[in-house]
Protein backbone atom coordinates (compact mmCIF):
# COMPACT_ATOMS: atom_id res chain seq x y z
CA MET A 1 -40.21 -71.64 94.96
CA ARG A 2 -39.68 -74.60 92.60
CA LEU A 3 -42.66 -76.55 91.49
CA ALA A 4 -42.46 -80.04 90.00
CA ALA A 5 -42.80 -80.35 86.23
CA LEU A 6 -46.15 -81.75 85.21
CA SER A 7 -46.46 -84.29 82.32
CA LEU A 8 -49.83 -84.65 80.60
CA ALA A 9 -50.53 -87.24 77.99
CA VAL A 10 -53.27 -87.40 75.52
CA LEU A 11 -53.89 -91.02 74.50
CA ALA A 12 -55.84 -92.35 71.62
CA LEU A 13 -57.56 -95.78 72.05
CA SER A 14 -57.22 -98.35 69.35
CA ALA A 15 -59.46 -97.60 66.32
CA LEU A 16 -59.76 -99.21 62.97
CA SER A 17 -59.62 -96.74 59.99
CA ALA A 18 -63.37 -96.99 59.48
CA GLU A 19 -64.31 -96.80 63.15
CA PRO A 20 -64.61 -93.94 65.63
CA ALA A 21 -61.42 -92.73 67.21
CA THR A 22 -61.39 -91.93 70.91
CA LEU A 23 -59.00 -89.33 72.50
CA THR A 24 -58.60 -89.84 76.19
CA ILE A 25 -56.92 -87.08 78.20
CA VAL A 26 -54.91 -88.16 81.16
CA THR A 27 -53.46 -85.81 83.78
CA ASN A 28 -51.29 -86.15 86.93
CA LEU A 29 -51.35 -84.11 90.14
CA PRO A 30 -50.47 -81.36 90.94
CA LEU A 31 -51.97 -79.82 87.88
CA GLY A 32 -49.74 -77.40 85.85
CA GLY A 33 -52.41 -76.68 83.35
CA THR A 34 -55.37 -77.96 81.39
CA VAL A 35 -55.65 -79.79 77.99
CA SER A 36 -58.99 -80.14 76.32
CA GLY A 37 -60.12 -81.87 73.22
CA GLY A 38 -60.67 -85.36 74.46
CA GLY A 39 -63.56 -87.47 73.31
CA GLN A 40 -64.74 -89.65 70.53
CA TYR A 41 -64.29 -88.67 66.84
CA THR A 42 -65.31 -90.08 63.54
CA ALA A 43 -62.62 -91.44 61.41
CA GLY A 44 -60.67 -88.85 59.57
CA ALA A 45 -61.59 -86.04 62.06
CA ALA A 46 -58.94 -83.45 63.00
CA PRO A 47 -59.49 -82.61 66.67
CA ALA A 48 -58.14 -79.41 68.14
CA ILE A 49 -56.04 -79.77 71.38
CA ASP A 50 -56.25 -76.67 73.48
CA ILE A 51 -53.54 -76.21 76.11
CA GLN A 52 -53.57 -73.61 78.89
CA ALA A 53 -50.94 -73.37 81.57
CA PHE A 54 -51.92 -72.21 85.14
CA ARG A 55 -50.30 -69.13 86.69
CA GLY A 56 -46.69 -69.97 87.54
CA TYR A 57 -46.33 -72.61 84.83
CA TYR A 58 -45.48 -72.59 81.12
CA VAL A 59 -45.85 -75.11 78.24
CA LYS A 60 -42.37 -76.77 78.01
CA ASP A 61 -43.03 -79.37 75.40
CA VAL A 62 -45.71 -80.71 73.05
CA SER A 63 -45.02 -83.86 71.11
CA ALA A 64 -47.15 -86.48 69.26
CA LYS A 65 -46.69 -90.07 68.34
CA PHE A 66 -49.07 -91.80 65.88
CA LEU A 67 -49.56 -95.57 66.19
CA TRP A 68 -50.60 -95.73 62.60
CA THR A 69 -48.95 -94.76 59.38
CA PRO A 70 -49.60 -91.01 58.61
CA ALA A 71 -50.40 -89.90 55.12
CA PRO A 72 -47.20 -89.22 53.05
CA SER A 73 -48.16 -85.65 52.61
CA TRP A 74 -47.75 -84.77 56.32
CA SER A 75 -44.37 -83.34 57.15
CA PRO A 76 -42.37 -84.31 60.31
CA LEU A 77 -43.09 -80.87 61.75
CA ASP A 78 -46.78 -81.78 61.89
CA LEU A 79 -45.94 -84.43 64.53
CA TRP A 80 -44.39 -81.66 66.80
CA ASN A 81 -41.60 -84.00 67.97
CA GLN A 82 -39.77 -80.91 69.12
CA GLN A 83 -39.96 -78.10 71.70
CA ILE A 84 -42.62 -75.53 70.45
CA ALA A 85 -41.05 -72.40 69.25
CA VAL A 86 -43.95 -69.87 68.77
CA ASP A 87 -43.84 -66.47 70.37
CA ILE A 88 -40.24 -66.87 71.55
CA ASN A 89 -38.57 -63.64 72.58
CA THR A 90 -34.89 -63.24 73.91
CA PHE A 91 -33.31 -61.69 76.96
CA LEU A 92 -29.98 -59.87 76.70
CA GLY A 93 -29.96 -60.79 73.06
CA SER A 94 -29.23 -64.47 73.15
CA VAL A 95 -31.11 -66.50 75.75
CA ALA A 96 -34.33 -68.02 74.39
CA ASP A 97 -37.17 -67.60 76.76
CA TRP A 98 -39.44 -70.55 76.45
CA THR A 99 -41.26 -69.62 79.59
CA ILE A 100 -43.55 -67.09 77.95
CA ILE A 101 -45.54 -69.90 76.23
CA THR A 102 -48.54 -70.32 78.51
CA ASN A 103 -51.13 -71.43 75.98
CA ASP A 104 -51.20 -73.32 72.61
CA THR A 105 -53.70 -74.75 70.25
CA GLU A 106 -52.68 -77.60 67.98
CA THR A 107 -54.85 -79.46 65.40
CA LEU A 108 -54.28 -83.15 64.96
CA PRO A 109 -54.14 -84.51 61.37
CA GLY A 110 -57.10 -86.78 60.45
CA LEU A 111 -57.35 -89.58 62.93
CA ASN A 112 -57.21 -92.96 61.24
CA GLY A 113 -55.77 -94.86 64.10
CA ASP A 114 -54.23 -94.63 67.56
CA ALA A 115 -52.27 -91.67 68.56
CA MET A 116 -50.52 -90.23 71.62
CA VAL A 117 -50.00 -86.58 72.35
CA THR A 118 -47.82 -85.49 75.33
CA VAL A 119 -47.80 -81.99 76.97
CA THR A 120 -45.29 -81.05 79.60
CA PHE A 121 -45.75 -78.14 81.99
CA ASP A 122 -42.89 -76.71 84.04
CA SER A 123 -42.61 -74.06 86.73
CA CYS A 124 -42.03 -70.38 85.88
CA TYR A 125 -40.80 -69.54 89.38
CA PRO A 126 -37.05 -68.62 89.60
CA ARG A 127 -34.92 -71.70 90.29
CA ILE A 128 -31.38 -71.66 91.63
CA LEU A 129 -29.11 -73.91 89.48
CA GLU A 130 -25.66 -72.88 90.86
CA GLN A 131 -25.10 -71.90 94.48
CA PRO A 132 -22.35 -69.61 95.82
CA LYS A 133 -19.48 -71.37 97.62
CA ASP A 134 -17.82 -70.88 100.99
CA GLN A 135 -14.35 -69.17 100.79
CA ILE A 136 -11.42 -68.45 103.16
CA LEU A 137 -9.17 -65.81 101.77
CA LEU A 138 -6.25 -63.41 102.70
CA GLY A 139 -6.84 -59.73 102.94
CA GLY A 140 -5.56 -57.73 100.04
CA THR A 141 -6.62 -60.25 97.45
CA ASN A 142 -9.60 -60.40 95.08
CA ALA A 143 -12.47 -62.80 95.00
CA GLN A 144 -15.74 -63.57 93.25
CA LEU A 145 -19.00 -65.18 94.27
CA ARG A 146 -21.11 -66.66 91.52
CA GLY A 147 -24.64 -67.94 91.12
CA THR A 148 -26.92 -69.19 88.22
CA ALA A 149 -30.71 -69.26 87.96
CA PHE A 150 -33.44 -70.15 85.56
CA GLY A 151 -37.00 -68.79 85.50
CA ARG A 152 -39.72 -66.78 83.63
CA GLN A 153 -38.06 -63.78 82.13
CA PRO A 154 -37.33 -61.08 82.86
CA TYR A 155 -35.84 -62.05 86.22
CA THR A 156 -33.43 -60.07 88.25
CA PHE A 157 -30.55 -60.77 90.71
CA GLN A 158 -29.72 -59.13 93.93
CA TRP A 159 -26.72 -59.94 96.20
CA TRP A 160 -26.94 -59.73 99.91
CA LYS A 161 -24.44 -59.54 102.80
CA ASP A 162 -25.55 -60.51 106.38
CA GLY A 163 -29.21 -59.95 105.43
CA VAL A 164 -28.60 -56.54 103.75
CA PRO A 165 -28.88 -55.89 100.06
CA ILE A 166 -25.58 -54.80 98.47
CA PRO A 167 -26.15 -51.60 96.43
CA GLY A 168 -25.67 -52.24 92.63
CA ALA A 169 -24.95 -55.96 92.97
CA THR A 170 -27.54 -56.96 90.39
CA ASN A 171 -25.56 -57.87 87.30
CA ALA A 172 -26.81 -60.73 85.03
CA PHE A 173 -25.23 -62.37 81.99
CA VAL A 174 -25.74 -65.42 79.83
CA SER A 175 -24.44 -68.51 81.61
CA THR A 176 -21.54 -70.15 79.80
CA THR A 177 -21.99 -73.45 81.72
CA ILE A 178 -25.84 -74.02 81.99
CA SER A 179 -27.87 -73.53 78.92
CA ASP A 180 -30.86 -71.22 78.77
CA SER A 181 -30.03 -69.60 82.16
CA LEU A 182 -28.50 -66.52 83.50
CA SER A 183 -25.58 -66.06 85.93
CA SER A 184 -24.52 -63.26 88.28
CA ILE A 185 -21.13 -62.53 89.89
CA LEU A 186 -20.28 -60.49 92.87
CA SER A 187 -16.70 -59.26 92.60
CA LEU A 188 -14.85 -58.16 95.72
CA THR A 189 -11.44 -56.48 95.41
CA ASN A 190 -8.63 -55.62 97.90
CA LEU A 191 -10.34 -57.67 100.53
CA SER A 192 -10.33 -56.75 104.24
CA THR A 193 -11.70 -58.35 107.30
CA ALA A 194 -14.77 -56.17 106.83
CA ASN A 195 -15.69 -58.26 103.85
CA SER A 196 -16.16 -61.34 106.14
CA GLY A 197 -19.75 -62.34 106.42
CA GLN A 198 -22.53 -64.49 105.03
CA TYR A 199 -23.48 -63.83 101.39
CA PHE A 200 -26.46 -65.08 99.22
CA PHE A 201 -28.27 -63.91 96.17
CA SER A 202 -31.90 -63.66 95.44
CA VAL A 203 -33.59 -63.94 91.99
CA SER A 204 -37.12 -62.60 91.37
CA ASN A 205 -39.61 -62.46 88.60
CA ILE A 206 -43.39 -61.61 88.46
CA PHE A 207 -44.21 -65.01 90.16
CA GLY A 208 -41.92 -64.76 93.18
CA VAL A 209 -38.53 -64.77 94.81
CA SER A 210 -36.00 -67.58 95.31
CA ASN A 211 -32.97 -67.29 97.62
CA SER A 212 -29.74 -69.16 97.19
CA ALA A 213 -27.99 -71.08 99.99
CA PRO A 214 -25.74 -68.77 102.13
CA ALA A 215 -22.09 -68.79 101.56
CA ASN A 216 -19.78 -68.19 104.41
CA PHE A 217 -16.98 -65.78 103.32
CA VAL A 218 -14.01 -65.37 105.68
CA VAL A 219 -11.16 -62.89 105.21
CA LYS A 220 -8.03 -63.10 107.43
CA ASP A 221 -5.10 -60.62 107.59
CA ILE A 222 -3.08 -63.56 108.98
CA LEU A 223 -4.16 -67.07 107.83
CA PHE A 224 -3.08 -70.27 109.59
CA THR A 225 -3.03 -73.56 107.68
CA VAL A 226 -2.67 -76.73 109.69
CA ASP A 227 -1.95 -80.08 107.98
CA GLY A 228 -3.23 -78.68 104.76
CA GLN A 229 -6.54 -77.28 106.21
CA GLN A 230 -7.21 -73.56 106.45
CA ILE A 231 -8.17 -72.65 110.01
CA VAL A 232 -11.01 -70.34 110.82
CA ALA A 233 -11.67 -71.41 114.41
CA SER A 234 -9.43 -70.40 117.38
CA ASN A 235 -8.24 -74.02 117.99
CA ALA A 236 -7.06 -77.02 116.06
CA ASN A 237 -6.24 -80.61 116.91
CA VAL A 238 -3.07 -82.19 115.39
CA GLY A 239 -1.24 -85.44 115.60
CA VAL A 240 2.40 -85.81 116.66
CA GLN A 241 3.45 -85.35 113.06
CA ASN A 242 2.03 -81.94 111.97
CA ALA A 243 2.77 -78.96 109.75
CA ILE A 244 1.66 -75.42 110.48
CA SER A 245 1.86 -72.67 107.80
CA ILE A 246 1.39 -68.87 108.07
CA GLN A 247 0.45 -66.38 105.47
CA SER A 248 -0.18 -62.67 105.74
CA ARG A 249 -1.85 -59.94 103.65
CA PHE A 250 1.52 -58.37 102.99
CA PRO A 251 3.39 -59.54 99.85
CA ASN A 252 7.10 -59.98 100.61
CA GLY A 253 6.37 -58.97 104.19
CA SER A 254 7.87 -60.46 107.38
CA ILE A 255 6.18 -62.76 109.85
CA PHE A 256 7.18 -63.47 113.50
CA TYR A 257 5.46 -65.91 115.90
CA THR A 258 5.40 -67.29 119.45
CA LEU A 259 4.19 -70.59 120.69
CA ASP A 260 3.35 -69.64 124.26
CA GLY A 261 0.52 -67.29 123.64
CA SER A 262 2.61 -64.17 124.23
CA GLN A 263 2.38 -61.22 121.85
CA PRO A 264 5.13 -61.59 119.17
CA ASP A 265 7.37 -58.81 117.93
CA PHE A 266 10.61 -58.37 116.03
CA GLY A 267 12.35 -60.48 118.61
CA SER A 268 10.18 -63.49 118.26
CA THR A 269 10.83 -66.52 115.99
CA PRO A 270 10.83 -65.47 112.35
CA TYR A 271 8.66 -67.56 110.12
CA ALA A 272 10.67 -69.15 107.37
CA GLY A 273 8.30 -71.90 106.29
CA PRO A 274 6.04 -74.65 107.68
CA PHE A 275 6.96 -75.87 111.10
CA SER A 276 5.73 -78.51 113.62
CA VAL A 277 4.94 -78.56 117.36
CA SER A 278 5.64 -81.55 119.64
CA GLN A 279 3.40 -80.43 122.48
CA ASN A 280 0.31 -78.34 123.01
CA ALA A 281 0.95 -74.66 122.02
CA THR A 282 -0.78 -71.31 121.54
CA VAL A 283 0.39 -69.79 118.32
CA ARG A 284 0.32 -66.03 117.71
CA ALA A 285 1.81 -64.21 114.77
CA VAL A 286 2.56 -60.66 113.80
CA ALA A 287 3.06 -59.69 110.14
CA TYR A 288 4.77 -56.56 108.83
CA SER A 289 4.71 -55.05 105.40
CA ALA A 290 7.84 -55.04 103.29
CA ASP A 291 8.63 -51.43 104.31
CA PHE A 292 7.54 -52.05 107.93
CA SER A 293 5.04 -49.25 107.75
CA GLN A 294 2.01 -51.54 108.53
CA SER A 295 1.54 -54.54 110.72
CA VAL A 296 -1.32 -56.86 111.72
CA LEU A 297 -1.59 -59.18 114.68
CA SER A 298 -3.30 -62.54 114.69
CA GLU A 299 -5.67 -63.92 117.20
CA PRO A 300 -4.32 -66.83 119.41
CA LEU A 301 -4.50 -70.33 117.84
CA GLU A 302 -4.68 -73.09 120.39
CA ILE A 303 -2.89 -76.24 118.97
CA SER A 304 -3.66 -79.47 120.83
CA ILE A 305 -1.62 -82.69 120.35
CA VAL A 306 -4.18 -85.57 120.22
CA PRO A 307 -3.71 -89.33 119.52
CA VAL A 308 -3.76 -90.53 115.90
CA TYR A 309 -5.62 -93.73 115.21
CA GLY A 310 -5.53 -95.90 112.14
CA LEU A 311 -8.66 -97.21 110.22
CA THR A 312 -7.68 -100.50 108.57
CA THR A 313 -10.01 -101.85 105.81
CA ILE A 314 -9.73 -105.46 104.99
CA PHE A 315 -10.57 -106.06 101.29
CA GLY A 316 -11.84 -109.30 99.76
CA ALA A 317 -13.22 -110.05 96.38
CA GLY A 318 -16.14 -108.07 95.16
CA GLY A 319 -15.33 -104.43 96.11
CA TYR A 320 -13.64 -102.06 98.59
CA ALA A 321 -14.38 -99.42 101.15
CA LEU A 322 -14.39 -95.68 100.37
CA LEU A 323 -13.27 -93.49 103.25
CA ASP A 324 -14.29 -89.81 103.56
CA PRO A 325 -11.97 -88.12 104.52
CA PRO A 326 -9.36 -90.40 103.03
CA GLY A 327 -7.31 -92.40 105.56
CA PRO A 328 -5.90 -94.44 106.88
CA PHE A 329 -4.82 -92.21 109.89
CA TYR A 330 -7.18 -89.91 111.71
CA LEU A 331 -7.03 -87.65 114.74
CA SER A 332 -8.79 -88.78 117.86
CA ASN A 333 -12.57 -88.43 117.66
CA ALA A 334 -12.50 -87.70 113.93
CA VAL A 335 -15.75 -88.74 112.18
CA VAL A 336 -15.19 -90.90 109.13
CA THR A 337 -17.89 -91.75 106.59
CA VAL A 338 -17.40 -95.25 105.08
CA SER A 339 -19.25 -96.45 101.93
CA PRO A 340 -18.99 -99.73 100.00
CA VAL A 341 -18.04 -99.77 96.32
CA ALA A 342 -18.88 -103.03 94.56
CA TYR A 343 -17.18 -104.34 91.46
CA PRO A 344 -19.36 -105.46 88.52
CA GLY A 345 -21.36 -108.56 89.43
CA TRP A 346 -21.05 -108.02 93.13
CA THR A 347 -23.49 -106.63 95.65
CA PHE A 348 -22.75 -105.12 99.12
CA MET A 349 -24.08 -107.29 101.93
CA SER A 350 -22.72 -106.10 105.31
CA TRP A 351 -19.88 -104.76 107.41
CA ASP A 352 -18.03 -106.50 110.24
CA GLY A 353 -15.15 -105.99 112.45
CA ASP A 354 -15.43 -102.75 114.31
CA LEU A 355 -18.38 -101.79 112.14
CA PHE A 356 -21.29 -104.33 112.36
CA SER A 357 -24.02 -103.09 110.05
CA GLY A 358 -26.08 -104.12 107.17
CA THR A 359 -26.55 -100.46 106.09
CA ALA A 360 -24.29 -99.35 103.26
CA THR A 361 -23.12 -95.93 104.31
CA ASN A 362 -22.09 -95.42 107.97
CA THR A 363 -20.03 -93.06 110.13
CA ILE A 364 -17.30 -94.15 112.49
CA VAL A 365 -15.86 -92.14 115.40
CA MET A 366 -12.15 -92.71 115.64
CA ASP A 367 -11.80 -93.02 119.45
CA ARG A 368 -9.25 -95.89 118.93
CA SER A 369 -7.65 -97.78 116.06
CA LYS A 370 -10.22 -99.87 114.21
CA VAL A 371 -10.56 -102.54 111.56
CA ILE A 372 -13.54 -102.80 109.23
CA ARG A 373 -14.35 -105.33 106.50
CA PRO A 374 -17.01 -104.94 103.79
CA THR A 375 -18.55 -108.18 102.59
CA PHE A 376 -19.77 -108.45 98.97
CA GLY A 377 -21.82 -111.24 97.54
CA THR A 378 -22.64 -112.56 94.14
CA THR A 379 -25.36 -114.77 92.64
CA LEU A 380 -24.96 -118.47 91.75
CA SER A 381 -27.14 -120.46 89.35
CA ALA A 382 -27.34 -123.90 87.96
CA THR A 383 -28.64 -125.16 84.62
CA THR A 384 -29.40 -128.64 83.38
CA ALA A 385 -29.38 -130.51 80.13
CA GLY A 386 -31.35 -133.69 79.99
CA ASN A 387 -33.78 -134.98 82.68
CA GLY A 388 -32.66 -133.96 86.13
CA SER A 389 -32.24 -131.18 88.63
CA VAL A 390 -29.47 -129.64 90.68
CA SER A 391 -29.50 -129.01 94.49
CA ILE A 392 -27.48 -126.04 95.78
CA SER A 393 -26.40 -126.13 99.38
CA PRO A 394 -26.33 -123.84 101.21
CA SER A 395 -29.03 -121.79 99.33
CA PHE A 396 -28.54 -118.00 99.57
CA PRO A 397 -29.61 -115.12 97.42
CA LEU A 398 -25.99 -113.90 97.56
CA TYR A 399 -22.75 -115.69 98.32
CA PRO A 400 -19.67 -113.91 99.74
CA ALA A 401 -16.24 -114.73 98.21
CA GLY A 402 -14.84 -117.81 99.79
CA THR A 403 -18.10 -119.57 100.45
CA LEU A 404 -17.91 -123.33 99.72
CA VAL A 405 -21.03 -124.32 97.87
CA THR A 406 -22.09 -127.93 97.17
CA PHE A 407 -23.93 -128.73 93.87
CA THR A 408 -25.63 -132.10 93.82
CA ALA A 409 -26.98 -133.53 90.68
CA MET A 410 -30.32 -135.27 91.07
CA PRO A 411 -31.25 -137.35 87.98
CA ALA A 412 -34.84 -138.10 87.04
CA ALA A 413 -36.13 -141.63 86.86
CA SER A 414 -34.32 -143.68 84.18
CA ASN A 415 -31.41 -141.18 83.92
CA TYR A 416 -28.06 -140.55 85.48
CA PHE A 417 -25.78 -137.68 86.03
CA ALA A 418 -22.99 -137.53 83.36
CA LEU A 419 -20.85 -134.36 83.64
CA TRP A 420 -20.43 -130.85 85.05
CA GLY A 421 -20.00 -127.89 82.85
CA ASN A 422 -19.43 -124.08 82.91
CA ALA A 423 -18.03 -123.26 86.37
CA GLY A 424 -18.22 -126.94 87.23
CA SER A 425 -15.92 -129.67 85.96
CA GLY A 426 -15.52 -133.38 86.09
CA SER A 427 -18.15 -135.97 86.85
CA VAL A 428 -17.87 -136.39 90.63
CA ASN A 429 -21.29 -135.85 92.27
CA PRO A 430 -21.68 -133.71 94.31
CA PHE A 431 -19.35 -130.95 93.11
CA GLN A 432 -17.97 -128.27 95.43
CA LEU A 433 -17.30 -124.72 94.23
CA ALA A 434 -15.41 -122.03 96.22
CA VAL A 435 -17.02 -118.71 95.24
CA GLY A 436 -14.38 -116.46 93.67
CA ASN A 437 -15.81 -114.91 90.58
CA PRO A 438 -19.06 -113.12 90.09
CA THR A 439 -22.27 -114.58 88.71
CA GLN A 440 -20.99 -118.11 88.10
CA THR A 441 -23.14 -120.95 86.66
CA VAL A 442 -22.76 -124.64 87.17
CA SER A 443 -24.29 -126.83 84.53
CA ALA A 444 -25.25 -130.51 84.84
CA LEU A 445 -25.66 -133.00 81.96
CA PHE A 446 -28.01 -135.90 82.41
CA ALA A 447 -28.27 -138.87 80.10
CA PRO A 448 -30.57 -141.99 79.83
CA LEU A 449 -29.60 -145.07 81.75
CA GLN A 450 -29.05 -148.24 79.73
CA ALA A 451 -30.91 -151.45 80.40
CA GLY A 452 -29.66 -153.08 83.63
CA GLN A 453 -28.36 -149.83 85.18
CA VAL A 454 -29.52 -147.77 88.15
CA THR A 455 -28.23 -144.64 89.83
CA LEU A 456 -27.69 -143.51 93.48
CA THR A 457 -27.92 -139.94 94.71
CA VAL A 458 -26.70 -139.28 98.26
CA LEU A 459 -27.46 -136.00 100.01
CA SER A 460 -26.06 -134.59 103.29
CA GLU A 461 -27.99 -132.41 105.68
CA GLY A 462 -26.17 -130.69 108.61
CA GLY A 463 -22.54 -131.09 109.65
CA GLY A 464 -21.23 -134.21 107.89
CA SER A 465 -20.48 -136.03 104.64
CA THR A 466 -20.90 -139.48 103.07
CA LYS A 467 -18.80 -141.91 101.09
CA THR A 468 -19.44 -145.25 99.30
CA ALA A 469 -17.53 -148.51 100.07
CA THR A 470 -17.49 -149.60 96.39
CA ALA A 471 -15.71 -147.69 93.63
CA TRP A 472 -17.35 -144.31 93.07
CA THR A 473 -19.55 -144.07 89.91
CA ASN A 474 -22.73 -142.37 88.73
CA ARG A 475 -24.16 -145.70 87.46
CA TYR A 476 -24.39 -149.08 89.06
CA ALA A 477 -25.32 -152.57 87.82
CA LEU A 478 -28.84 -153.54 88.77
CA GLY A 479 -28.83 -155.74 91.95
CA ILE A 480 -25.45 -154.99 93.43
CA THR A 481 -25.08 -154.09 97.02
CA ASN A 482 -23.56 -150.65 98.09
CA VAL A 483 -22.42 -149.63 101.48
CA ILE A 484 -22.68 -145.88 102.40
CA THR A 485 -20.81 -144.43 105.37
CA ALA A 486 -21.90 -141.22 107.18
CA THR A 487 -18.98 -139.19 108.68
CA PRO A 488 -19.78 -136.22 110.99
CA PHE A 489 -17.57 -133.11 111.03
CA GLY A 490 -15.71 -132.21 114.29
CA GLU A 491 -18.13 -132.22 117.24
CA GLN A 492 -21.22 -133.02 115.16
CA ARG A 493 -23.18 -136.28 115.43
CA PHE A 494 -24.95 -138.40 112.88
CA LEU A 495 -28.65 -138.52 113.41
CA GLY A 496 -29.95 -140.97 110.76
CA TRP A 497 -30.97 -141.75 107.23
CA SER A 498 -34.05 -140.82 105.32
CA GLY A 499 -35.42 -141.40 101.76
CA ASP A 500 -34.54 -144.90 100.42
CA ALA A 501 -32.54 -145.73 103.55
CA THR A 502 -33.55 -145.77 107.27
CA GLY A 503 -31.93 -146.28 110.61
CA THR A 504 -29.31 -144.60 112.73
CA ASN A 505 -26.25 -146.67 112.03
CA ARG A 506 -23.53 -144.67 110.39
CA GLU A 507 -23.11 -147.43 107.73
CA VAL A 508 -26.08 -148.43 105.75
CA GLU A 509 -26.30 -151.26 103.06
CA ILE A 510 -28.17 -150.36 99.98
CA ILE A 511 -29.33 -153.07 97.46
CA MET A 512 -29.51 -151.47 94.14
CA ASP A 513 -32.65 -153.00 92.80
CA SER A 514 -33.81 -149.58 91.50
CA SER A 515 -32.47 -146.02 91.30
CA LYS A 516 -32.39 -144.56 94.85
CA VAL A 517 -32.09 -141.22 96.72
CA ILE A 518 -30.94 -141.17 100.37
CA THR A 519 -30.18 -138.43 102.76
CA ALA A 520 -27.78 -138.46 105.80
CA HIS A 521 -28.75 -136.17 108.63
CA PHE A 522 -26.25 -134.63 111.01
CA THR A 523 -26.53 -132.24 114.00
CA HIS A 524 -26.08 -128.53 113.71
CA SER A 525 -24.03 -128.07 116.93
CA MET A 526 -22.20 -124.83 117.68
CA SER A 527 -19.36 -123.63 119.83
CA LEU A 528 -18.82 -120.01 120.94
CA THR A 529 -15.47 -118.52 121.62
CA LEU A 530 -14.24 -115.11 122.82
CA ASP A 531 -11.72 -113.60 120.47
CA THR A 532 -10.92 -110.11 121.79
CA PHE A 533 -11.89 -107.61 124.53
CA LEU A 534 -12.71 -103.86 124.14
CA PRO A 535 -14.73 -104.32 122.15
CA LEU A 536 -15.71 -107.87 122.84
CA GLU A 537 -15.63 -110.02 119.73
CA LEU A 538 -17.21 -113.48 119.52
CA SER A 539 -16.89 -116.30 117.05
CA CYS A 540 -19.47 -119.07 116.53
CA PHE A 541 -18.26 -122.17 114.89
CA GLY A 542 -20.80 -124.46 113.29
CA VAL A 543 -22.42 -125.64 110.02
CA GLU A 544 -22.10 -123.66 106.88
CA GLY A 545 -25.44 -122.08 105.84
CA ASP A 546 -26.94 -121.96 109.33
CA LEU A 547 -28.62 -118.67 110.37
CA LEU A 548 -27.54 -117.65 113.82
CA GLU A 549 -28.82 -115.06 116.32
CA PHE A 550 -26.26 -113.81 118.83
CA GLN A 551 -27.92 -113.00 122.15
CA ALA A 552 -26.83 -111.41 125.46
CA SER A 553 -28.05 -111.51 129.05
CA THR A 554 -27.06 -110.26 132.47
CA ASN A 555 -28.90 -112.97 134.37
CA ALA A 556 -28.89 -116.01 132.08
CA VAL A 557 -32.74 -115.76 132.09
CA ASP A 558 -33.67 -112.69 130.05
CA TRP A 559 -31.96 -112.74 126.60
CA VAL A 560 -31.67 -109.80 124.26
CA PRO A 561 -31.09 -110.40 120.51
CA LEU A 562 -27.99 -108.67 119.27
CA ALA A 563 -27.66 -109.61 115.60
CA THR A 564 -28.69 -112.32 113.19
CA ILE A 565 -25.81 -113.55 111.02
CA THR A 566 -25.51 -116.23 108.32
CA ASN A 567 -22.62 -118.67 108.85
CA PHE A 568 -21.30 -118.68 105.41
CA THR A 569 -17.88 -120.31 106.02
CA GLY A 570 -18.29 -122.37 109.20
CA ARG A 571 -17.33 -119.38 111.40
CA ALA A 572 -19.61 -116.42 112.05
CA THR A 573 -18.15 -113.44 114.12
CA TYR A 574 -19.90 -110.67 116.06
CA SER A 575 -18.42 -107.54 117.59
CA ASP A 576 -20.36 -106.16 120.62
CA GLN A 577 -19.66 -102.45 120.58
CA GLU A 578 -21.91 -101.91 123.62
CA SER A 579 -19.91 -104.42 125.80
CA PRO A 580 -17.89 -101.63 127.63
CA HIS A 581 -21.10 -100.26 129.06
CA PHE A 582 -21.84 -103.45 131.01
CA PRO A 583 -19.98 -104.73 134.15
CA TYR A 584 -20.56 -108.28 132.80
CA ARG A 585 -22.55 -109.91 130.04
CA ILE A 586 -23.49 -113.54 129.10
CA TYR A 587 -23.57 -114.52 125.43
CA ARG A 588 -25.06 -117.42 123.38
CA ALA A 589 -25.76 -118.13 119.81
CA VAL A 590 -29.10 -119.70 118.69
CA ARG A 591 -29.77 -121.33 115.34
CA ARG A 592 -32.82 -119.89 113.49
């Protein structure tokens, strides 16, 4: 049984050198011991800190930090900034046993200011630090099972097989890999099938017993390896391209095999090296010793030819997909774990394609060839110099690579936008940036307008853009007339103007008698298309930045939400993995 370590801090509240000092003892649950000595003391007092661990715990560490300057005569050892080393004994001559320290009394130097004392308790129960591992081996060979533990000494090991203690299997020695711990090794020689079984070790001391995880140990007189994997079961699935290897317990012996399940003999096919099968087969093998005085016969191994499917990962900027086991080809119904790995400055956002999920780690069943794509996003920011602000559209916490982002400089009164800097460039307002690098910053410079000058800021909302009839500039002469034209994208429509302009005509005349800000409003119309069947994949074309909810129905009345997706690039896709389970389904996309 492993109990959590307990930290206990003794804190001193602020005190002037001539004022009383207060020690406050703070503990956290579950308690691993007690510490006394807290309270208020006169300046210069040397309080005693008494530490007592509960049964099953020991005092692992005592340290102190003074928040005032100690007297020069005090040595660093007085501050105990080290593991306490009183009453230490050793086990087997070289392993320090800290766990016998269950109580301690320390005296603080004269308190003339704030101080902090920290006491750490830890469990004395045996703890397993290294587990034995599963193994598949040939008969006649040797093997070892290894485990490592830590606990209150003395502690003892015992190895078990199939729930029965193995006589004499209790060795212990100082671990060479994990400090202040002991290891034990179970050595098995000249293995036979009788050695197969489930092994574990127990470690015990006066506080209790802890058991390791079980290790499955398999010994075969004849061992089949299929496509690099040792086979313990009686069947294996392989693709059309496959490799089957056979080993036996007899060095320099002979092996013969059949593929129809019949019992092999000297007249069967001699094994000369890895071979492949082109159809379902039942492999059996017989092995003879070099002098033919001994032989062993394998159990049948059913080999089934199954389809092989490819898992294609489409990589963009920001990271890649990690596949376990590695691909890209897998046997039918293989289960693959996929995880995103982000490059510095990027953050995983979602999966799409044949894996539609916002969860980082997922499993995929390879019942057909599939394509997956991880999306990674990065942050964007804007800074300003001078009097003004910057509008970022669309506004997201994270932007995938390829997202087209519009930065619009908005000068304050009596100022104008002058220049873009950092990831921005030029003086055209607004500025568009295609996200490609991580954590980019666009900077805007604003400067004071001169007498007789005004500025015009034009914003677009929805699916469209604007342009001016006069030569583009960030400053205009006071009193001139400017004509602004709103142009919808594709199937979008212009809705009207707001701010310092009104009306629904696409062209608006602006008299620049002062600095002005106007906004052109456009629709957020969408179109839904069907891309592929089995599974069904939809694409929704619309306005960048819109939040879309894909919905489905079987009667055009009751709609079920399927997924909420942000349209980063003007096209949002959704793959309905459940579509094969419906005779028909109606789909729509709704802007949220």
